[in-house]
Amino acid sequence: MRLLIGLAIGFGIGFAGAVLFAPDRSRRREVDWPAATIDSGPTAIETDQNILAAVRRALRSAQEQLNEALDEAKEAQAKAEQELRARYDRKVHKADKPKAIEEKKRK
């Protein structure tokens, strides 16, 4: 029940903030887009007679970008794993040192 009350209060506060701090509509500027001219040239689809080739090039480009991103992610994962293993090894060795010191004292 507390969850529902908290959600309702949070929603109410958020809605009130959005209404109170909303930008004025009178200040909104109209964007004047430049008119298309003949000098702008034909579109990419009009220049390429074979649309399927354009789609293949786009997909190949996207696939290359995806492969690059995956390679970078794998490198970052390997680096993070090495750092975590090194930190774990340091902690394990630190934890083992007091035991080794106690064993030396007993002898």
PDB file of N, CA and C in Angstrom:
ATOM      1  N   MET A   1       0.830  -1.184   0.000  1.00  0.00           N
ATOM      2  CA  MET A   1       0.000   0.000   0.000  1.00  0.00           C
ATOM      3  C   MET A   1       0.878   1.253   0.000  1.00  0.00           C
ATOM      4  N   ARG A   2       1.972   1.170   0.764  1.00  0.00           N
ATOM      5  CA  ARG A   2       2.886   2.314   0.795  1.00  0.00           C
ATOM      6  C   ARG A   2       3.467   2.582  -0.584  1.00  0.00           C
ATOM      7  N   LEU A   3       3.731   1.512  -1.304  1.00  0.00           N
ATOM      8  CA  LEU A   3       4.276   1.646  -2.650  1.00  0.00           C
ATOM      9  C   LEU A   3       3.307   2.402  -3.542  1.00  0.00           C
ATOM     10  N   LEU A   4       2.038   2.038  -3.489  1.00  0.00           N
ATOM     11  CA  LEU A   4       1.038   2.705  -4.326  1.00  0.00           C
ATOM     12  C   LEU A   4       0.882   4.169  -3.946  1.00  0.00           C
ATOM     13  N   ILE A   5       0.891   4.446  -2.660  1.00  0.00           N
ATOM     14  CA  ILE A   5       0.780   5.839  -2.207  1.00  0.00           C
ATOM     15  C   ILE A   5       2.008   6.622  -2.662  1.00  0.00           C
ATOM     16  N   GLY A   6       3.179   6.022  -2.515  1.00  0.00           N
ATOM     17  CA  GLY A   6       4.407   6.691  -2.952  1.00  0.00           C
ATOM     18  C   GLY A   6       4.420   6.949  -4.449  1.00  0.00           C
ATOM     19  N   LEU A   7       3.965   5.965  -5.215  1.00  0.00           N
ATOM     20  CA  LEU A   7       3.896   6.154  -6.663  1.00  0.00           C
ATOM     21  C   LEU A   7       2.913   7.260  -7.025  1.00  0.00           C
ATOM     22  N   ALA A   8       1.773   7.286  -6.369  1.00  0.00           N
ATOM     23  CA  ALA A   8       0.771   8.313  -6.660  1.00  0.00           C
ATOM     24  C   ALA A   8       1.307   9.695  -6.314  1.00  0.00           C
ATOM     25  N   ILE A   9       1.961   9.820  -5.181  1.00  0.00           N
ATOM     26  CA  ILE A   9       2.519  11.117  -4.770  1.00  0.00           C
ATOM     27  C   ILE A   9       3.622  11.534  -5.744  1.00  0.00           C
ATOM     28  N   GLY A  10       4.498  10.595  -6.100  1.00  0.00           N
ATOM     29  CA  GLY A  10       5.568  10.909  -7.037  1.00  0.00           C
ATOM     30  C   GLY A  10       5.042  11.316  -8.396  1.00  0.00           C
ATOM     31  N   PHE A  11       4.025  10.598  -8.859  1.00  0.00           N
ATOM     32  CA  PHE A  11       3.420  10.952 -10.141  1.00  0.00           C
ATOM     33  C   PHE A  11       2.790  12.334 -10.061  1.00  0.00           C
ATOM     34  N   GLY A  12       2.115  12.623  -8.976  1.00  0.00           N
ATOM     35  CA  GLY A  12       1.480  13.933  -8.809  1.00  0.00           C
ATOM     36  C   GLY A  12       2.500  15.055  -8.791  1.00  0.00           C
ATOM     37  N   ILE A  13       3.602  14.854  -8.081  1.00  0.00           N
ATOM     38  CA  ILE A  13       4.645  15.880  -8.023  1.00  0.00           C
ATOM     39  C   ILE A  13       5.273  16.067  -9.402  1.00  0.00           C
ATOM     40  N   GLY A  14       5.534  14.966 -10.084  1.00  0.00           N
ATOM     41  CA  GLY A  14       6.110  15.067 -11.425  1.00  0.00           C
ATOM     42  C   GLY A  14       5.188  15.761 -12.404  1.00  0.00           C
ATOM     43  N   PHE A  15       3.905  15.428 -12.335  1.00  0.00           N
ATOM     44  CA  PHE A  15       2.942  16.068 -13.230  1.00  0.00           C
ATOM     45  C   PHE A  15       2.823  17.556 -12.934  1.00  0.00           C
ATOM     46  N   ALA A  16       2.778  17.905 -11.643  1.00  0.00           N
ATOM     47  CA  ALA A  16       2.682  19.318 -11.271  1.00  0.00           C
ATOM     48  C   ALA A  16       3.926  20.075 -11.737  1.00  0.00           C
ATOM     49  N   GLY A  17       5.093  19.466 -11.585  1.00  0.00           N
ATOM     50  CA  GLY A  17       6.318  20.121 -12.047  1.00  0.00           C
ATOM     51  C   GLY A  17       6.326  20.316 -13.546  1.00  0.00           C
ATOM     52  N   ALA A  18       5.844  19.316 -14.274  1.00  0.00           N
ATOM     53  CA  ALA A  18       5.808  19.425 -15.730  1.00  0.00           C
ATOM     54  C   ALA A  18       4.846  20.523 -16.169  1.00  0.00           C
ATOM     55  N   VAL A  19       3.740  20.658 -15.477  1.00  0.00           N
ATOM     56  CA  VAL A  19       2.769  21.689 -15.837  1.00  0.00           C
ATOM     57  C   VAL A  19       3.285  23.070 -15.439  1.00  0.00           C
ATOM     58  N   LEU A  20       3.856  23.183 -14.250  1.00  0.00           N
ATOM     59  CA  LEU A  20       4.318  24.490 -13.782  1.00  0.00           C
ATOM     60  C   LEU A  20       5.547  24.987 -14.529  1.00  0.00           C
ATOM     61  N   PHE A  21       6.435  24.102 -14.869  1.00  0.00           N
ATOM     62  CA  PHE A  21       7.687  24.520 -15.490  1.00  0.00           C
ATOM     63  C   PHE A  21       7.727  24.276 -16.993  1.00  0.00           C
ATOM     64  N   ALA A  22       6.577  24.065 -17.597  1.00  0.00           N
ATOM     65  CA  ALA A  22       6.510  23.858 -19.044  1.00  0.00           C
ATOM     66  C   ALA A  22       6.845  25.165 -19.757  1.00  0.00           C
ATOM     67  N   PRO A  23       7.536  25.105 -20.884  1.00  0.00           N
ATOM     68  CA  PRO A  23       7.853  26.341 -21.615  1.00  0.00           C
ATOM     69  C   PRO A  23       6.581  26.971 -22.170  1.00  0.00           C
ATOM     70  N   ASP A  24       6.612  28.286 -22.242  1.00  0.00           N
ATOM     71  CA  ASP A  24       5.452  29.002 -22.766  1.00  0.00           C
ATOM     72  C   ASP A  24       5.301  28.737 -24.252  1.00  0.00           C
ATOM     73  N   ARG A  25       4.078  28.544 -24.665  1.00  0.00           N
ATOM     74  CA  ARG A  25       3.820  28.290 -26.081  1.00  0.00           C
ATOM     75  C   ARG A  25       4.025  29.558 -26.897  1.00  0.00           C
ATOM     76  N   SER A  26       3.881  30.712 -26.269  1.00  0.00           N
ATOM     77  CA  SER A  26       4.037  31.959 -27.013  1.00  0.00           C
ATOM     78  C   SER A  26       5.497  32.195 -27.401  1.00  0.00           C
ATOM     79  N   ARG A  27       6.431  31.605 -26.667  1.00  0.00           N
ATOM     80  CA  ARG A  27       7.846  31.784 -26.952  1.00  0.00           C
ATOM     81  C   ARG A  27       8.349  30.836 -28.042  1.00  0.00           C
ATOM     82  N   ARG A  28       7.532  29.890 -28.433  1.00  0.00           N
ATOM     83  CA  ARG A  28       7.953  28.907 -29.422  1.00  0.00           C
ATOM     84  C   ARG A  28       8.222  29.610 -30.753  1.00  0.00           C
ATOM     85  N   ARG A  29       9.361  29.267 -31.351  1.00  0.00           N
ATOM     86  CA  ARG A  29       9.723  29.871 -32.626  1.00  0.00           C
ATOM     87  C   ARG A  29       9.296  28.948 -33.759  1.00  0.00           C
ATOM     88  N   GLU A  30       8.896  29.560 -34.824  1.00  0.00           N
ATOM     89  CA  GLU A  30       8.580  28.795 -36.020  1.00  0.00           C
ATOM     90  C   GLU A  30       9.868  28.610 -36.805  1.00  0.00           C
ATOM     91  N   VAL A  31      10.139  27.399 -37.192  1.00  0.00           N
ATOM     92  CA  VAL A  31      11.337  27.100 -37.956  1.00  0.00           C
ATOM     93  C   VAL A  31      11.010  27.245 -39.432  1.00  0.00           C
ATOM     94  N   ASP A  32      11.805  28.047 -40.101  1.00  0.00           N
ATOM     95  CA  ASP A  32      11.602  28.258 -41.522  1.00  0.00           C
ATOM     96  C   ASP A  32      12.575  27.361 -42.270  1.00  0.00           C
ATOM     97  N   TRP A  33      12.058  26.254 -42.781  1.00  0.00           N
ATOM     98  CA  TRP A  33      12.899  25.324 -43.522  1.00  0.00           C
ATOM     99  C   TRP A  33      13.179  25.889 -44.902  1.00  0.00           C
ATOM    100  N   PRO A  34      14.403  25.719 -45.364  1.00  0.00           N
ATOM    101  CA  PRO A  34      14.699  26.236 -46.707  1.00  0.00           C
ATOM    102  C   PRO A  34      13.937  25.436 -47.768  1.00  0.00           C
ATOM    103  N   ALA A  35      13.481  26.149 -48.745  1.00  0.00           N
ATOM    104  CA  ALA A  35      12.730  25.495 -49.817  1.00  0.00           C
ATOM    105  C   ALA A  35      13.686  24.678 -50.672  1.00  0.00           C
ATOM    106  N   ALA A  36      13.190  23.584 -51.165  1.00  0.00           N
ATOM    107  CA  ALA A  36      14.010  22.735 -52.026  1.00  0.00           C
ATOM    108  C   ALA A  36      14.269  23.444 -53.339  1.00  0.00           C
ATOM    109  N   THR A  37      15.498  23.340 -53.788  1.00  0.00           N
ATOM    110  CA  THR A  37      15.845  23.985 -55.047  1.00  0.00           C
ATOM    111  C   THR A  37      16.259  22.929 -56.057  1.00  0.00           C
ATOM    112  N   ILE A  38      16.259  23.301 -57.303  1.00  0.00           N
ATOM    113  CA  ILE A  38      16.670  22.390 -58.355  1.00  0.00           C
ATOM    114  C   ILE A  38      18.168  22.139 -58.272  1.00  0.00           C
ATOM    115  N   ASP A  39      18.908  23.115 -57.786  1.00  0.00           N
ATOM    116  CA  ASP A  39      20.357  22.999 -57.692  1.00  0.00           C
ATOM    117  C   ASP A  39      20.799  22.000 -56.619  1.00  0.00           C
ATOM    118  N   SER A  40      19.888  21.597 -55.735  1.00  0.00           N
ATOM    119  CA  SER A  40      20.284  20.685 -54.668  1.00  0.00           C
ATOM    120  C   SER A  40      20.638  19.303 -55.196  1.00  0.00           C
ATOM    121  N   GLY A  41      20.232  18.968 -56.370  1.00  0.00           N
ATOM    122  CA  GLY A  41      20.599  17.704 -56.993  1.00  0.00           C
ATOM    123  C   GLY A  41      19.589  16.623 -56.688  1.00  0.00           C
ATOM    124  N   PRO A  42      19.711  15.520 -57.389  1.00  0.00           N
ATOM    125  CA  PRO A  42      18.769  14.418 -57.184  1.00  0.00           C
ATOM    126  C   PRO A  42      19.051  13.700 -55.865  1.00  0.00           C
ATOM    127  N   THR A  43      18.042  13.016 -55.376  1.00  0.00           N
ATOM    128  CA  THR A  43      18.200  12.266 -54.134  1.00  0.00           C
ATOM    129  C   THR A  43      19.024  11.008 -54.387  1.00  0.00           C
ATOM    130  N   ALA A  44      19.438  10.360 -53.322  1.00  0.00           N
ATOM    131  CA  ALA A  44      20.278   9.173 -53.442  1.00  0.00           C
ATOM    132  C   ALA A  44      19.533   8.048 -54.154  1.00  0.00           C
ATOM    133  N   ILE A  45      18.253   7.928 -53.896  1.00  0.00           N
ATOM    134  CA  ILE A  45      17.488   6.853 -54.527  1.00  0.00           C
ATOM    135  C   ILE A  45      17.341   7.119 -56.019  1.00  0.00           C
ATOM    136  N   GLU A  46      17.191   8.396 -56.393  1.00  0.00           N
ATOM    137  CA  GLU A  46      17.048   8.706 -57.812  1.00  0.00           C
ATOM    138  C   GLU A  46      18.341   8.453 -58.581  1.00  0.00           C
ATOM    139  N   THR A  47      19.482   8.629 -57.933  1.00  0.00           N
ATOM    140  CA  THR A  47      20.752   8.434 -58.639  1.00  0.00           C
ATOM    141  C   THR A  47      21.102   6.962 -58.777  1.00  0.00           C
ATOM    142  N   ASP A  48      20.653   6.151 -57.862  1.00  0.00           N
ATOM    143  CA  ASP A  48      20.984   4.732 -57.908  1.00  0.00           C
ATOM    144  C   ASP A  48      19.844   3.979 -58.580  1.00  0.00           C
ATOM    145  N   GLN A  49      20.138   3.399 -59.708  1.00  0.00           N
ATOM    146  CA  GLN A  49      19.113   2.667 -60.436  1.00  0.00           C
ATOM    147  C   GLN A  49      18.739   1.376 -59.729  1.00  0.00           C
ATOM    148  N   ASN A  50      19.686   0.810 -59.029  1.00  0.00           N
ATOM    149  CA  ASN A  50      19.449  -0.458 -58.363  1.00  0.00           C
ATOM    150  C   ASN A  50      19.303  -0.207 -56.853  1.00  0.00           C
ATOM    151  N   ILE A  51      18.086  -0.146 -56.387  1.00  0.00           N
ATOM    152  CA  ILE A  51      17.830   0.149 -54.977  1.00  0.00           C
ATOM    153  C   ILE A  51      18.350  -0.975 -54.095  1.00  0.00           C
ATOM    154  N   LEU A  52      18.287  -2.176 -54.587  1.00  0.00           N
ATOM    155  CA  LEU A  52      18.767  -3.312 -53.808  1.00  0.00           C
ATOM    156  C   LEU A  52      20.259  -3.184 -53.507  1.00  0.00           C
ATOM    157  N   ALA A  53      21.022  -2.664 -54.447  1.00  0.00           N
ATOM    158  CA  ALA A  53      22.453  -2.455 -54.217  1.00  0.00           C
ATOM    159  C   ALA A  53      22.677  -1.418 -53.121  1.00  0.00           C
ATOM    160  N   ALA A  54      21.863  -0.382 -53.106  1.00  0.00           N
ATOM    161  CA  ALA A  54      21.987   0.640 -52.067  1.00  0.00           C
ATOM    162  C   ALA A  54      21.674   0.049 -50.693  1.00  0.00           C
ATOM    163  N   VAL A  55      20.663  -0.800 -50.655  1.00  0.00           N
ATOM    164  CA  VAL A  55      20.302  -1.437 -49.384  1.00  0.00           C
ATOM    165  C   VAL A  55      21.421  -2.362 -48.929  1.00  0.00           C
ATOM    166  N   ARG A  56      22.006  -3.104 -49.862  1.00  0.00           N
ATOM    167  CA  ARG A  56      23.119  -3.997 -49.509  1.00  0.00           C
ATOM    168  C   ARG A  56      24.304  -3.212 -48.962  1.00  0.00           C
ATOM    169  N   ARG A  57      24.619  -2.075 -49.610  1.00  0.00           N
ATOM    170  CA  ARG A  57      25.730  -1.253 -49.124  1.00  0.00           C
ATOM    171  C   ARG A  57      25.444  -0.727 -47.722  1.00  0.00           C
ATOM    172  N   ALA A  58      24.215  -0.306 -47.492  1.00  0.00           N
ATOM    173  CA  ALA A  58      23.855   0.199 -46.169  1.00  0.00           C
ATOM    174  C   ALA A  58      23.953  -0.900 -45.123  1.00  0.00           C
ATOM    175  N   LEU A  59      23.471  -2.084 -45.454  1.00  0.00           N
ATOM    176  CA  LEU A  59      23.552  -3.203 -44.513  1.00  0.00           C
ATOM    177  C   LEU A  59      24.994  -3.616 -44.261  1.00  0.00           C
ATOM    178  N   ARG A  60      25.823  -3.605 -45.296  1.00  0.00           N
ATOM    179  CA  ARG A  60      27.239  -3.956 -45.138  1.00  0.00           C
ATOM    180  C   ARG A  60      27.930  -2.945 -44.229  1.00  0.00           C
ATOM    181  N   SER A  61      27.609  -1.679 -44.425  1.00  0.00           N
ATOM    182  CA  SER A  61      28.190  -0.634 -43.580  1.00  0.00           C
ATOM    183  C   SER A  61      27.757  -0.809 -42.120  1.00  0.00           C
ATOM    184  N   ALA A  62      26.485  -1.091 -41.919  1.00  0.00           N
ATOM    185  CA  ALA A  62      25.984  -1.309 -40.560  1.00  0.00           C
ATOM    186  C   ALA A  62      26.633  -2.539 -39.939  1.00  0.00           C
ATOM    187  N   GLN A  63      26.838  -3.591 -40.746  1.00  0.00           N
ATOM    188  CA  GLN A  63      27.464  -4.806 -40.238  1.00  0.00           C
ATOM    189  C   GLN A  63      28.919  -4.539 -39.842  1.00  0.00           C
ATOM    190  N   GLU A  64      29.632  -3.750 -40.643  1.00  0.00           N
ATOM    191  CA  GLU A  64      31.011  -3.402 -40.302  1.00  0.00           C
ATOM    192  C   GLU A  64      31.072  -2.616 -38.998  1.00  0.00           C
ATOM    193  N   GLN A  65      30.159  -1.660 -38.832  1.00  0.00           N
ATOM    194  CA  GLN A  65      30.132  -0.873 -37.594  1.00  0.00           C
ATOM    195  C   GLN A  65      29.817  -1.769 -36.401  1.00  0.00           C
ATOM    196  N   LEU A  66      28.896  -2.696 -36.579  1.00  0.00           N
ATOM    197  CA  LEU A  66      28.543  -3.608 -35.505  1.00  0.00           C
ATOM    198  C   LEU A  66      29.722  -4.501 -35.136  1.00  0.00           C
ATOM    199  N   ASN A  67      30.430  -5.001 -36.144  1.00  0.00           N
ATOM    200  CA  ASN A  67      31.598  -5.841 -35.876  1.00  0.00           C
ATOM    201  C   ASN A  67      32.681  -5.066 -35.141  1.00  0.00           C
ATOM    202  N   GLU A  68      32.902  -3.816 -35.530  1.00  0.00           N
ATOM    203  CA  GLU A  68      33.883  -2.984 -34.832  1.00  0.00           C
ATOM    204  C   GLU A  68      33.480  -2.777 -33.381  1.00  0.00           C
ATOM    205  N   ALA A  69      32.211  -2.505 -33.168  1.00  0.00           N
ATOM    206  CA  ALA A  69      31.731  -2.290 -31.803  1.00  0.00           C
ATOM    207  C   ALA A  69      31.881  -3.554 -30.967  1.00  0.00           C
ATOM    208  N   LEU A  70      31.583  -4.710 -31.554  1.00  0.00           N
ATOM    209  CA  LEU A  70      31.730  -5.969 -30.825  1.00  0.00           C
ATOM    210  C   LEU A  70      33.190  -6.251 -30.494  1.00  0.00           C
ATOM    211  N   ASP A  71      34.098  -5.954 -31.428  1.00  0.00           N
ATOM    212  CA  ASP A  71      35.522  -6.143 -31.162  1.00  0.00           C
ATOM    213  C   ASP A  71      35.987  -5.259 -30.007  1.00  0.00           C
ATOM    214  N   GLU A  72      35.543  -3.999 -30.015  1.00  0.00           N
ATOM    215  CA  GLU A  72      35.906  -3.088 -28.928  1.00  0.00           C
ATOM    216  C   GLU A  72      35.336  -3.578 -27.601  1.00  0.00           C
ATOM    217  N   ALA A  73      34.118  -4.080 -27.630  1.00  0.00           N
ATOM    218  CA  ALA A  73      33.495  -4.575 -26.402  1.00  0.00           C
ATOM    219  C   ALA A  73      34.244  -5.793 -25.873  1.00  0.00           C
ATOM    220  N   LYS A  74      34.671  -6.682 -26.765  1.00  0.00           N
ATOM    221  CA  LYS A  74      35.424  -7.860 -26.335  1.00  0.00           C
ATOM    222  C   LYS A  74      36.762  -7.457 -25.724  1.00  0.00           C
ATOM    223  N   GLU A  75      37.428  -6.465 -26.334  1.00  0.00           N
ATOM    224  CA  GLU A  75      38.688  -5.985 -25.778  1.00  0.00           C
ATOM    225  C   GLU A  75      38.476  -5.375 -24.391  1.00  0.00           C
ATOM    226  N   ALA A  76      37.432  -4.575 -24.254  1.00  0.00           N
ATOM    227  CA  ALA A  76      37.138  -3.958 -22.964  1.00  0.00           C
ATOM    228  C   ALA A  76      36.797  -5.023 -21.924  1.00  0.00           C
ATOM    229  N   GLN A  77      36.069  -6.056 -22.334  1.00  0.00           N
ATOM    230  CA  GLN A  77      35.721  -7.137 -21.414  1.00  0.00           C
ATOM    231  C   GLN A  77      36.973  -7.868 -20.952  1.00  0.00           C
ATOM    232  N   ALA A  78      37.881  -8.154 -21.872  1.00  0.00           N
ATOM    233  CA  ALA A  78      39.111  -8.858 -21.519  1.00  0.00           C
ATOM    234  C   ALA A  78      39.954  -8.013 -20.566  1.00  0.00           C
ATOM    235  N   LYS A  79      40.033  -6.721 -20.834  1.00  0.00           N
ATOM    236  CA  LYS A  79      40.816  -5.829 -19.968  1.00  0.00           C
ATOM    237  C   LYS A  79      40.201  -5.769 -18.568  1.00  0.00           C
ATOM    238  N   ALA A  80      38.882  -5.631 -18.502  1.00  0.00           N
ATOM    239  CA  ALA A  80      38.214  -5.569 -17.202  1.00  0.00           C
ATOM    240  C   ALA A  80      38.386  -6.877 -16.440  1.00  0.00           C
ATOM    241  N   GLU A  81      38.320  -7.992 -17.156  1.00  0.00           N
ATOM    242  CA  GLU A  81      38.488  -9.285 -16.503  1.00  0.00           C
ATOM    243  C   GLU A  81      39.898  -9.428 -15.944  1.00  0.00           C
ATOM    244  N   GLN A  82      40.907  -8.986 -16.694  1.00  0.00           N
ATOM    245  CA  GLN A  82      42.280  -9.040 -16.205  1.00  0.00           C
ATOM    246  C   GLN A  82      42.450  -8.188 -14.957  1.00  0.00           C
ATOM    247  N   GLU A  83      41.861  -6.984 -14.968  1.00  0.00           N
ATOM    248  CA  GLU A  83      41.953  -6.104 -13.806  1.00  0.00           C
ATOM    249  C   GLU A  83      41.275  -6.724 -12.590  1.00  0.00           C
ATOM    250  N   LEU A  84      40.110  -7.322 -12.800  1.00  0.00           N
ATOM    251  CA  LEU A  84      39.404  -7.945 -11.683  1.00  0.00           C
ATOM    252  C   LEU A  84      40.166  -9.145 -11.140  1.00  0.00           C
ATOM    253  N   ARG A  85      40.751  -9.927 -12.042  1.00  0.00           N
ATOM    254  CA  ARG A  85      41.546 -11.083 -11.583  1.00  0.00           C
ATOM    255  C   ARG A  85      42.758 -10.619 -10.785  1.00  0.00           C
ATOM    256  N   ALA A  86      43.419  -9.560 -11.255  1.00  0.00           N
ATOM    257  CA  ALA A  86      44.584  -9.045 -10.537  1.00  0.00           C
ATOM    258  C   ALA A  86      44.174  -8.526  -9.157  1.00  0.00           C
ATOM    259  N   ARG A  87      43.052  -7.818  -9.104  1.00  0.00           N
ATOM    260  CA  ARG A  87      42.588  -7.300  -7.813  1.00  0.00           C
ATOM    261  C   ARG A  87      42.197  -8.446  -6.882  1.00  0.00           C
ATOM    262  N   TYR A  88      41.568  -9.468  -7.423  1.00  0.00           N
ATOM    263  CA  TYR A  88      41.191 -10.631  -6.622  1.00  0.00           C
ATOM    264  C   TYR A  88      42.434 -11.334  -6.090  1.00  0.00           C
ATOM    265  N   ASP A  89      43.425 -11.515  -6.959  1.00  0.00           N
ATOM    266  CA  ASP A  89      44.659 -12.167  -6.524  1.00  0.00           C
ATOM    267  C   ASP A  89      45.344 -11.373  -5.419  1.00  0.00           C
ATOM    268  N   ARG A  90      45.351 -10.054  -5.527  1.00  0.00           N
ATOM    269  CA  ARG A  90      45.963  -9.227  -4.470  1.00  0.00           C
ATOM    270  C   ARG A  90      45.216  -9.405  -3.155  1.00  0.00           C
ATOM    271  N   LYS A  91      43.882  -9.423  -3.220  1.00  0.00           N
ATOM    272  CA  LYS A  91      43.108  -9.577  -1.986  1.00  0.00           C
ATOM    273  C   LYS A  91      43.304 -10.952  -1.380  1.00  0.00           C
ATOM    274  N   VAL A  92      43.367 -11.969  -2.201  1.00  0.00           N
ATOM    275  CA  VAL A  92      43.558 -13.330  -1.703  1.00  0.00           C
ATOM    276  C   VAL A  92      44.927 -13.456  -1.054  1.00  0.00           C
ATOM    277  N   HIS A  93      45.944 -12.880  -1.691  1.00  0.00           N
ATOM    278  CA  HIS A  93      47.290 -12.959  -1.128  1.00  0.00           C
ATOM    279  C   HIS A  93      47.392 -12.155   0.167  1.00  0.00           C
ATOM    280  N   LYS A  94      46.674 -11.021   0.245  1.00  0.00           N
ATOM    281  CA  LYS A  94      46.672 -10.247   1.488  1.00  0.00           C
ATOM    282  C   LYS A  94      46.009 -11.040   2.598  1.00  0.00           C
ATOM    283  N   ALA A  95      44.941 -11.729   2.269  1.00  0.00           N
ATOM    284  CA  ALA A  95      44.229 -12.518   3.283  1.00  0.00           C
ATOM    285  C   ALA A  95      45.078 -13.699   3.729  1.00  0.00           C
ATOM    286  N   ASP A  96      45.916 -14.244   2.866  1.00  0.00           N
ATOM    287  CA  ASP A  96      46.762 -15.376   3.222  1.00  0.00           C
ATOM    288  C   ASP A  96      47.965 -14.954   4.055  1.00  0.00           C
ATOM    289  N   LYS A  97      48.400 -13.719   3.967  1.00  0.00           N
ATOM    290  CA  LYS A  97      49.581 -13.262   4.697  1.00  0.00           C
ATOM    291  C   LYS A  97      49.419 -13.383   6.212  1.00  0.00           C
ATOM    292  N   PRO A  98      48.322 -12.939   6.812  1.00  0.00           N
ATOM    293  CA  PRO A  98      48.214 -13.090   8.275  1.00  0.00           C
ATOM    294  C   PRO A  98      48.278 -14.550   8.721  1.00  0.00           C
ATOM    295  N   LYS A  99      47.718 -15.442   7.924  1.00  0.00           N
ATOM    296  CA  LYS A  99      47.790 -16.859   8.286  1.00  0.00           C
ATOM    297  C   LYS A  99      49.232 -17.338   8.255  1.00  0.00           C
ATOM    298  N   ALA A 100      49.991 -16.905   7.255  1.00  0.00           N
ATOM    299  CA  ALA A 100      51.388 -17.306   7.148  1.00  0.00           C
ATOM    300  C   ALA A 100      52.191 -16.718   8.289  1.00  0.00           C
ATOM    301  N   ILE A 101      51.886 -15.495   8.691  1.00  0.00           N
ATOM    302  CA  ILE A 101      52.601 -14.867   9.800  1.00  0.00           C
ATOM    303  C   ILE A 101      52.299 -15.595  11.100  1.00  0.00           C
ATOM    304  N   GLU A 102      51.046 -15.981  11.310  1.00  0.00           N
ATOM    305  CA  GLU A 102      50.674 -16.699  12.521  1.00  0.00           C
ATOM    306  C   GLU A 102      51.360 -18.065  12.579  1.00  0.00           C
ATOM    307  N   GLU A 103      51.483 -18.710  11.440  1.00  0.00           N
ATOM    308  CA  GLU A 103      52.156 -20.005  11.410  1.00  0.00           C
ATOM    309  C   GLU A 103      53.629 -19.866  11.736  1.00  0.00           C
ATOM    310  N   LYS A 104      54.278 -18.798  11.293  1.00  0.00           N
ATOM    311  CA  LYS A 104      55.671 -18.552  11.606  1.00  0.00           C
ATOM    312  C   LYS A 104      55.855 -18.290  13.099  1.00  0.00           C
ATOM    313  N   LYS A 105      54.883 -17.564  13.689  1.00  0.00           N
ATOM    314  CA  LYS A 105      54.981 -17.262  15.123  1.00  0.00           C
ATOM    315  C   LYS A 105      54.838 -18.536  15.946  1.00  0.00           C
ATOM    316  N   ARG A 106      54.008 -19.449  15.492  1.00  0.00           N
ATOM    317  CA  ARG A 106      53.795 -20.691  16.233  1.00  0.00           C
ATOM    318  C   ARG A 106      55.038 -21.568  16.199  1.00  0.00           C
ATOM    319  N   LYS A 107      55.805 -21.508  15.175  1.00  0.00           N
ATOM    320  CA  LYS A 107      57.010 -22.343  15.037  1.00  0.00           C
ATOM    321  C   LYS A 107      58.081 -21.768  15.840  1.00  0.00           C
TER     322      LYS A 107
END
